[in-house]
């Protein structure tokens, strides 16, 4: 998974709200065991992109990371130049 593939250069700022507004519902769903693998993937993707991650609270980030393996960031790679 590429890190910081989403930037203000290729994505409208209004998209931040679309993505970050999904997090509370996804935390509730994953807590109930619903759609677990898809939500985990989405959490990893959001956390890989500072464009979105910077919009989250530290509590939201911690809650998301609690559902991921400790080494989830090992899956991240830099974009090729």
PDB file of N, CA and C in Angstrom:
ATOM      1  N   UNK A   1       0.856  -1.153   0.000  1.00  0.00           N
ATOM      2  CA  UNK A   1       0.000   0.000   0.000  1.00  0.00           C
ATOM      3  C   UNK A   1       0.913   1.230   0.000  1.00  0.00           C
ATOM      4  N   UNK A   2       0.666   2.113  -0.941  1.00  0.00           N
ATOM      5  CA  UNK A   2       1.483   3.323  -1.033  1.00  0.00           C
ATOM      6  C   UNK A   2       1.134   4.313   0.070  1.00  0.00           C
ATOM      7  N   UNK A   3       2.159   4.911   0.629  1.00  0.00           N
ATOM      8  CA  UNK A   3       1.980   5.925   1.663  1.00  0.00           C
ATOM      9  C   UNK A   3       1.878   7.295   0.990  1.00  0.00           C
ATOM     10  N   UNK A   4       0.935   8.074   1.477  1.00  0.00           N
ATOM     11  CA  UNK A   4       0.695   9.432   0.987  1.00  0.00           C
ATOM     12  C   UNK A   4       0.459   9.507  -0.518  1.00  0.00           C
ATOM     13  N   UNK A   5      -0.302   8.556  -1.030  1.00  0.00           N
ATOM     14  CA  UNK A   5      -0.694   8.579  -2.441  1.00  0.00           C
ATOM     15  C   UNK A   5      -1.775   9.630  -2.680  1.00  0.00           C
ATOM     16  N   UNK A   6      -2.515   9.965  -1.633  1.00  0.00           N
ATOM     17  CA  UNK A   6      -3.575  10.963  -1.729  1.00  0.00           C
ATOM     18  C   UNK A   6      -3.021  12.279  -1.187  1.00  0.00           C
ATOM     19  N   UNK A   7      -3.096  13.309  -1.989  1.00  0.00           N
ATOM     20  CA  UNK A   7      -2.592  14.628  -1.585  1.00  0.00           C
ATOM     21  C   UNK A   7      -3.573  15.699  -2.043  1.00  0.00           C
ATOM     22  N   UNK A   8      -3.325  16.914  -1.617  1.00  0.00           N
ATOM     23  CA  UNK A   8      -4.167  18.028  -2.069  1.00  0.00           C
ATOM     24  C   UNK A   8      -3.973  18.309  -3.548  1.00  0.00           C
ATOM     25  N   UNK A   9      -2.916  17.778  -4.118  1.00  0.00           N
ATOM     26  CA  UNK A   9      -2.673  17.974  -5.547  1.00  0.00           C
ATOM     27  C   UNK A   9      -3.557  17.075  -6.421  1.00  0.00           C
ATOM     28  N   UNK A  10      -3.989  15.929  -5.865  1.00  0.00           N
ATOM     29  CA  UNK A  10      -4.787  15.011  -6.691  1.00  0.00           C
ATOM     30  C   UNK A  10      -6.175  14.718  -6.112  1.00  0.00           C
ATOM     31  N   UNK A  11      -6.531  15.390  -5.020  1.00  0.00           N
ATOM     32  CA  UNK A  11      -7.823  15.146  -4.382  1.00  0.00           C
ATOM     33  C   UNK A  11      -8.366  16.456  -3.830  1.00  0.00           C
ATOM     34  N   UNK A  12      -9.658  16.665  -4.012  1.00  0.00           N
ATOM     35  CA  UNK A  12     -10.290  17.881  -3.500  1.00  0.00           C
ATOM     36  C   UNK A  12     -10.342  17.829  -1.976  1.00  0.00           C
ATOM     37  N   UNK A  13     -10.139  18.965  -1.332  1.00  0.00           N
ATOM     38  CA  UNK A  13     -10.196  19.036   0.124  1.00  0.00           C
ATOM     39  C   UNK A  13     -11.544  18.565   0.672  1.00  0.00           C
ATOM     40  N   UNK A  14     -12.608  18.770  -0.086  1.00  0.00           N
ATOM     41  CA  UNK A  14     -13.935  18.358   0.378  1.00  0.00           C
ATOM     42  C   UNK A  14     -14.024  16.845   0.583  1.00  0.00           C
ATOM     43  N   UNK A  15     -13.127  16.099  -0.035  1.00  0.00           N
ATOM     44  CA  UNK A  15     -13.150  14.645   0.111  1.00  0.00           C
ATOM     45  C   UNK A  15     -12.693  14.212   1.509  1.00  0.00           C
ATOM     46  N   UNK A  16     -11.960  15.077   2.196  1.00  0.00           N
ATOM     47  CA  UNK A  16     -11.527  14.761   3.563  1.00  0.00           C
ATOM     48  C   UNK A  16     -12.724  14.463   4.450  1.00  0.00           C
ATOM     49  N   UNK A  17     -13.742  15.319   4.356  1.00  0.00           N
ATOM     50  CA  UNK A  17     -14.923  15.143   5.198  1.00  0.00           C
ATOM     51  C   UNK A  17     -15.656  13.851   4.862  1.00  0.00           C
ATOM     52  N   UNK A  18     -15.705  13.501   3.596  1.00  0.00           N
ATOM     53  CA  UNK A  18     -16.378  12.265   3.186  1.00  0.00           C
ATOM     54  C   UNK A  18     -15.722  11.062   3.866  1.00  0.00           C
ATOM     55  N   UNK A  19     -14.402  10.999   3.807  1.00  0.00           N
ATOM     56  CA  UNK A  19     -13.673   9.864   4.370  1.00  0.00           C
ATOM     57  C   UNK A  19     -13.685   9.894   5.895  1.00  0.00           C
ATOM     58  N   UNK A  20     -13.335  11.013   6.476  1.00  0.00           N
ATOM     59  CA  UNK A  20     -13.216  11.062   7.935  1.00  0.00           C
ATOM     60  C   UNK A  20     -14.567  10.933   8.635  1.00  0.00           C
ATOM     61  N   UNK A  21     -15.646  11.318   7.984  1.00  0.00           N
ATOM     62  CA  UNK A  21     -16.967  11.177   8.601  1.00  0.00           C
ATOM     63  C   UNK A  21     -17.410   9.715   8.670  1.00  0.00           C
ATOM     64  N   UNK A  22     -16.776   8.844   7.906  1.00  0.00           N
ATOM     65  CA  UNK A  22     -17.110   7.416   7.923  1.00  0.00           C
ATOM     66  C   UNK A  22     -16.502   6.697   9.131  1.00  0.00           C
ATOM     67  N   UNK A  23     -15.463   7.254   9.713  1.00  0.00           N
ATOM     68  CA  UNK A  23     -14.699   6.563  10.748  1.00  0.00           C
ATOM     69  C   UNK A  23     -15.549   6.193  11.974  1.00  0.00           C
ATOM     70  N   UNK A  24     -16.344   7.094  12.548  1.00  0.00           N
ATOM     71  CA  UNK A  24     -17.135   6.699  13.718  1.00  0.00           C
ATOM     72  C   UNK A  24     -18.064   5.505  13.451  1.00  0.00           C
ATOM     73  N   UNK A  25     -18.737   5.516  12.311  1.00  0.00           N
ATOM     74  CA  UNK A  25     -19.624   4.392  11.969  1.00  0.00           C
ATOM     75  C   UNK A  25     -18.831   3.111  11.756  1.00  0.00           C
ATOM     76  N   UNK A  26     -17.668   3.232  11.126  1.00  0.00           N
ATOM     77  CA  UNK A  26     -16.852   2.040  10.893  1.00  0.00           C
ATOM     78  C   UNK A  26     -16.301   1.492  12.203  1.00  0.00           C
ATOM     79  N   UNK A  27     -15.953   2.354  13.143  1.00  0.00           N
ATOM     80  CA  UNK A  27     -15.509   1.878  14.450  1.00  0.00           C
ATOM     81  C   UNK A  27     -16.635   1.120  15.156  1.00  0.00           C
ATOM     82  N   UNK A  28     -17.849   1.622  15.035  1.00  0.00           N
ATOM     83  CA  UNK A  28     -18.999   0.935  15.634  1.00  0.00           C
ATOM     84  C   UNK A  28     -19.235  -0.414  14.951  1.00  0.00           C
ATOM     85  N   UNK A  29     -19.164  -0.435  13.628  1.00  0.00           N
ATOM     86  CA  UNK A  29     -19.382  -1.679  12.887  1.00  0.00           C
ATOM     87  C   UNK A  29     -18.337  -2.731  13.231  1.00  0.00           C
ATOM     88  N   UNK A  30     -17.081  -2.341  13.235  1.00  0.00           N
ATOM     89  CA  UNK A  30     -16.023  -3.305  13.501  1.00  0.00           C
ATOM     90  C   UNK A  30     -16.117  -3.801  14.950  1.00  0.00           C
ATOM     91  N   UNK A  31     -16.584  -2.942  15.848  1.00  0.00           N
ATOM     92  CA  UNK A  31     -16.803  -3.340  17.233  1.00  0.00           C
ATOM     93  C   UNK A  31     -17.877  -4.403  17.373  1.00  0.00           C
ATOM     94  N   UNK A  32     -18.797  -4.426  16.424  1.00  0.00           N
ATOM     95  CA  UNK A  32     -19.866  -5.416  16.404  1.00  0.00           C
ATOM     96  C   UNK A  32     -19.531  -6.609  15.516  1.00  0.00           C
ATOM     97  N   UNK A  33     -18.306  -6.605  14.977  1.00  0.00           N
ATOM     98  CA  UNK A  33     -17.867  -7.719  14.146  1.00  0.00           C
ATOM     99  C   UNK A  33     -18.408  -7.695  12.730  1.00  0.00           C
ATOM    100  N   UNK A  34     -18.866  -6.543  12.282  1.00  0.00           N
ATOM    101  CA  UNK A  34     -19.422  -6.416  10.938  1.00  0.00           C
ATOM    102  C   UNK A  34     -18.374  -5.897   9.958  1.00  0.00           C
ATOM    103  N   UNK A  35     -18.284  -6.524   8.798  1.00  0.00           N
ATOM    104  CA  UNK A  35     -17.453  -6.021   7.695  1.00  0.00           C
ATOM    105  C   UNK A  35     -15.995  -5.797   8.122  1.00  0.00           C
ATOM    106  N   UNK A  36     -15.507  -6.650   8.982  1.00  0.00           N
ATOM    107  CA  UNK A  36     -14.223  -6.454   9.660  1.00  0.00           C
ATOM    108  C   UNK A  36     -13.050  -6.286   8.697  1.00  0.00           C
ATOM    109  N   UNK A  37     -12.868  -7.186   7.773  1.00  0.00           N
ATOM    110  CA  UNK A  37     -11.683  -7.122   6.897  1.00  0.00           C
ATOM    111  C   UNK A  37     -11.693  -5.898   6.003  1.00  0.00           C
ATOM    112  N   UNK A  38     -12.843  -5.537   5.473  1.00  0.00           N
ATOM    113  CA  UNK A  38     -12.931  -4.346   4.618  1.00  0.00           C
ATOM    114  C   UNK A  38     -12.640  -3.079   5.418  1.00  0.00           C
ATOM    115  N   UNK A  39     -13.135  -3.035   6.641  1.00  0.00           N
ATOM    116  CA  UNK A  39     -12.901  -1.851   7.471  1.00  0.00           C
ATOM    117  C   UNK A  39     -11.438  -1.776   7.893  1.00  0.00           C
ATOM    118  N   UNK A  40     -10.835  -2.892   8.223  1.00  0.00           N
ATOM    119  CA  UNK A  40      -9.405  -2.891   8.561  1.00  0.00           C
ATOM    120  C   UNK A  40      -8.581  -2.343   7.394  1.00  0.00           C
ATOM    121  N   UNK A  41      -8.905  -2.797   6.192  1.00  0.00           N
ATOM    122  CA  UNK A  41      -8.187  -2.306   5.014  1.00  0.00           C
ATOM    123  C   UNK A  41      -8.380  -0.793   4.867  1.00  0.00           C
ATOM    124  N   UNK A  42      -9.597  -0.335   5.062  1.00  0.00           N
ATOM    125  CA  UNK A  42      -9.877   1.099   4.952  1.00  0.00           C
ATOM    126  C   UNK A  42      -9.111   1.881   6.011  1.00  0.00           C
ATOM    127  N   UNK A  43      -9.064   1.371   7.237  1.00  0.00           N
ATOM    128  CA  UNK A  43      -8.302   2.026   8.296  1.00  0.00           C
ATOM    129  C   UNK A  43      -6.831   2.157   7.888  1.00  0.00           C
ATOM    130  N   UNK A  44      -6.256   1.082   7.385  1.00  0.00           N
ATOM    131  CA  UNK A  44      -4.846   1.124   6.955  1.00  0.00           C
ATOM    132  C   UNK A  44      -4.649   2.169   5.863  1.00  0.00           C
ATOM    133  N   UNK A  45      -5.576   2.210   4.925  1.00  0.00           N
ATOM    134  CA  UNK A  45      -5.487   3.159   3.813  1.00  0.00           C
ATOM    135  C   UNK A  45      -5.581   4.601   4.317  1.00  0.00           C
ATOM    136  N   UNK A  46      -6.540   4.870   5.204  1.00  0.00           N
ATOM    137  CA  UNK A  46      -6.692   6.226   5.752  1.00  0.00           C
ATOM    138  C   UNK A  46      -5.433   6.621   6.516  1.00  0.00           C
ATOM    139  N   UNK A  47      -4.920   5.709   7.340  1.00  0.00           N
ATOM    140  CA  UNK A  47      -3.737   6.017   8.146  1.00  0.00           C
ATOM    141  C   UNK A  47      -2.475   6.153   7.301  1.00  0.00           C
ATOM    142  N   UNK A  48      -2.484   5.600   6.107  1.00  0.00           N
ATOM    143  CA  UNK A  48      -1.331   5.709   5.202  1.00  0.00           C
ATOM    144  C   UNK A  48      -1.273   7.057   4.504  1.00  0.00           C
ATOM    145  N   UNK A  49      -2.346   7.805   4.588  1.00  0.00           N
ATOM    146  CA  UNK A  49      -2.439   9.075   3.861  1.00  0.00           C
ATOM    147  C   UNK A  49      -2.618  10.233   4.827  1.00  0.00           C
ATOM    148  N   UNK A  50      -1.569  11.007   5.016  1.00  0.00           N
ATOM    149  CA  UNK A  50      -1.620  12.150   5.926  1.00  0.00           C
ATOM    150  C   UNK A  50      -2.732  13.121   5.550  1.00  0.00           C
ATOM    151  N   UNK A  51      -3.096  13.156   4.285  1.00  0.00           N
ATOM    152  CA  UNK A  51      -4.180  14.008   3.804  1.00  0.00           C
ATOM    153  C   UNK A  51      -5.436  13.776   4.641  1.00  0.00           C
ATOM    154  N   UNK A  52      -5.701  12.524   4.983  1.00  0.00           N
ATOM    155  CA  UNK A  52      -6.853  12.167   5.814  1.00  0.00           C
ATOM    156  C   UNK A  52      -6.477  12.055   7.286  1.00  0.00           C
ATOM    157  N   UNK A  53      -5.367  11.417   7.571  1.00  0.00           N
ATOM    158  CA  UNK A  53      -4.955  11.159   8.951  1.00  0.00           C
ATOM    159  C   UNK A  53      -4.860  12.451   9.753  1.00  0.00           C
ATOM    160  N   UNK A  54      -4.383  13.508   9.145  1.00  0.00           N
ATOM    161  CA  UNK A  54      -4.238  14.787   9.839  1.00  0.00           C
ATOM    162  C   UNK A  54      -5.583  15.387  10.265  1.00  0.00           C
ATOM    163  N   UNK A  55      -6.663  14.899   9.709  1.00  0.00           N
ATOM    164  CA  UNK A  55      -8.001  15.384  10.055  1.00  0.00           C
ATOM    165  C   UNK A  55      -8.608  14.619  11.234  1.00  0.00           C
ATOM    166  N   UNK A  56      -7.974  13.537  11.661  1.00  0.00           N
ATOM    167  CA  UNK A  56      -8.497  12.690  12.726  1.00  0.00           C
ATOM    168  C   UNK A  56      -7.949  13.109  14.080  1.00  0.00           C
ATOM    169  N   UNK A  57      -8.713  12.787  15.118  1.00  0.00           N
ATOM    170  CA  UNK A  57      -8.223  13.028  16.471  1.00  0.00           C
ATOM    171  C   UNK A  57      -7.273  11.897  16.850  1.00  0.00           C
ATOM    172  N   UNK A  58      -6.454  12.142  17.862  1.00  0.00           N
ATOM    173  CA  UNK A  58      -5.548  11.088  18.324  1.00  0.00           C
ATOM    174  C   UNK A  58      -6.341   9.905  18.865  1.00  0.00           C
ATOM    175  N   UNK A  59      -7.510  10.165  19.435  1.00  0.00           N
ATOM    176  CA  UNK A  59      -8.362   9.081  19.927  1.00  0.00           C
ATOM    177  C   UNK A  59      -8.871   8.222  18.767  1.00  0.00           C
ATOM    178  N   UNK A  60      -9.302   8.852  17.685  1.00  0.00           N
ATOM    179  CA  UNK A  60      -9.758   8.091  16.518  1.00  0.00           C
ATOM    180  C   UNK A  60      -8.620   7.244  15.955  1.00  0.00           C
ATOM    181  N   UNK A  61      -7.436   7.821  15.864  1.00  0.00           N
ATOM    182  CA  UNK A  61      -6.287   7.073  15.340  1.00  0.00           C
ATOM    183  C   UNK A  61      -5.991   5.876  16.235  1.00  0.00           C
ATOM    184  N   UNK A  62      -5.986   6.086  17.542  1.00  0.00           N
ATOM    185  CA  UNK A  62      -5.733   4.986  18.480  1.00  0.00           C
ATOM    186  C   UNK A  62      -6.798   3.904  18.369  1.00  0.00           C
ATOM    187  N   UNK A  63      -8.053   4.312  18.250  1.00  0.00           N
ATOM    188  CA  UNK A  63      -9.143   3.344  18.111  1.00  0.00           C
ATOM    189  C   UNK A  63      -8.998   2.525  16.826  1.00  0.00           C
ATOM    190  N   UNK A  64      -8.600   3.191  15.750  1.00  0.00           N
ATOM    191  CA  UNK A  64      -8.406   2.487  14.481  1.00  0.00           C
ATOM    192  C   UNK A  64      -7.225   1.524  14.590  1.00  0.00           C
ATOM    193  N   UNK A  65      -6.125   1.999  15.161  1.00  0.00           N
ATOM    194  CA  UNK A  65      -4.931   1.166  15.282  1.00  0.00           C
ATOM    195  C   UNK A  65      -5.164  -0.039  16.179  1.00  0.00           C
ATOM    196  N   UNK A  66      -6.095   0.068  17.117  1.00  0.00           N
ATOM    197  CA  UNK A  66      -6.395  -1.055  18.018  1.00  0.00           C
ATOM    198  C   UNK A  66      -6.929  -2.270  17.261  1.00  0.00           C
ATOM    199  N   UNK A  67      -7.438  -2.056  16.063  1.00  0.00           N
ATOM    200  CA  UNK A  67      -7.988  -3.143  15.249  1.00  0.00           C
ATOM    201  C   UNK A  67      -6.989  -3.668  14.215  1.00  0.00           C
ATOM    202  N   UNK A  68      -5.806  -3.081  14.199  1.00  0.00           N
ATOM    203  CA  UNK A  68      -4.794  -3.466  13.212  1.00  0.00           C
ATOM    204  C   UNK A  68      -3.624  -4.163  13.906  1.00  0.00           C
ATOM    205  N   UNK A  69      -2.875  -4.975  13.160  1.00  0.00           N
ATOM    206  CA  UNK A  69      -1.677  -5.575  13.749  1.00  0.00           C
ATOM    207  C   UNK A  69      -0.681  -4.474  14.142  1.00  0.00           C
ATOM    208  N   UNK A  70       0.148  -4.763  15.125  1.00  0.00           N
ATOM    209  CA  UNK A  70       1.134  -3.776  15.582  1.00  0.00           C
ATOM    210  C   UNK A  70       2.057  -3.313  14.462  1.00  0.00           C
ATOM    211  N   UNK A  71       2.335  -4.193  13.511  1.00  0.00           N
ATOM    212  CA  UNK A  71       3.262  -3.868  12.423  1.00  0.00           C
ATOM    213  C   UNK A  71       2.550  -3.481  11.124  1.00  0.00           C
ATOM    214  N   UNK A  72       1.342  -2.950  11.228  1.00  0.00           N
ATOM    215  CA  UNK A  72       0.575  -2.634  10.016  1.00  0.00           C
ATOM    216  C   UNK A  72       1.314  -1.680   9.081  1.00  0.00           C
ATOM    217  N   UNK A  73       2.143  -0.811   9.625  1.00  0.00           N
ATOM    218  CA  UNK A  73       2.847   0.160   8.786  1.00  0.00           C
ATOM    219  C   UNK A  73       3.929  -0.497   7.929  1.00  0.00           C
ATOM    220  N   UNK A  74       4.270  -1.736   8.232  1.00  0.00           N
ATOM    221  CA  UNK A  74       5.258  -2.456   7.422  1.00  0.00           C
ATOM    222  C   UNK A  74       4.733  -2.699   6.001  1.00  0.00           C
ATOM    223  N   UNK A  75       3.424  -2.630   5.825  1.00  0.00           N
ATOM    224  CA  UNK A  75       2.817  -2.819   4.504  1.00  0.00           C
ATOM    225  C   UNK A  75       2.913  -1.567   3.635  1.00  0.00           C
ATOM    226  N   UNK A  76       3.320  -0.456   4.209  1.00  0.00           N
ATOM    227  CA  UNK A  76       3.380   0.801   3.471  1.00  0.00           C
ATOM    228  C   UNK A  76       4.688   0.892   2.675  1.00  0.00           C
ATOM    229  N   UNK A  77       4.574   1.413   1.469  1.00  0.00           N
ATOM    230  CA  UNK A  77       5.750   1.685   0.651  1.00  0.00           C
ATOM    231  C   UNK A  77       5.622   3.086   0.067  1.00  0.00           C
ATOM    232  N   UNK A  78       6.753   3.698  -0.181  1.00  0.00           N
ATOM    233  CA  UNK A  78       6.749   5.023  -0.798  1.00  0.00           C
ATOM    234  C   UNK A  78       6.331   4.930  -2.252  1.00  0.00           C
ATOM    235  N   UNK A  79       5.692   5.977  -2.725  1.00  0.00           N
ATOM    236  CA  UNK A  79       5.345   6.047  -4.143  1.00  0.00           C
ATOM    237  C   UNK A  79       6.612   6.052  -4.984  1.00  0.00           C
ATOM    238  N   UNK A  80       6.610   5.319  -6.085  1.00  0.00           N
ATOM    239  CA  UNK A  80       7.769   5.410  -6.977  1.00  0.00           C
ATOM    240  C   UNK A  80       7.844   6.795  -7.597  1.00  0.00           C
ATOM    241  N   UNK A  81       9.037   7.247  -7.860  1.00  0.00           N
ATOM    242  CA  UNK A  81       9.191   8.598  -8.436  1.00  0.00           C
ATOM    243  C   UNK A  81       9.198   8.572  -9.936  1.00  0.00           C
TER     244      UNK A  81
END
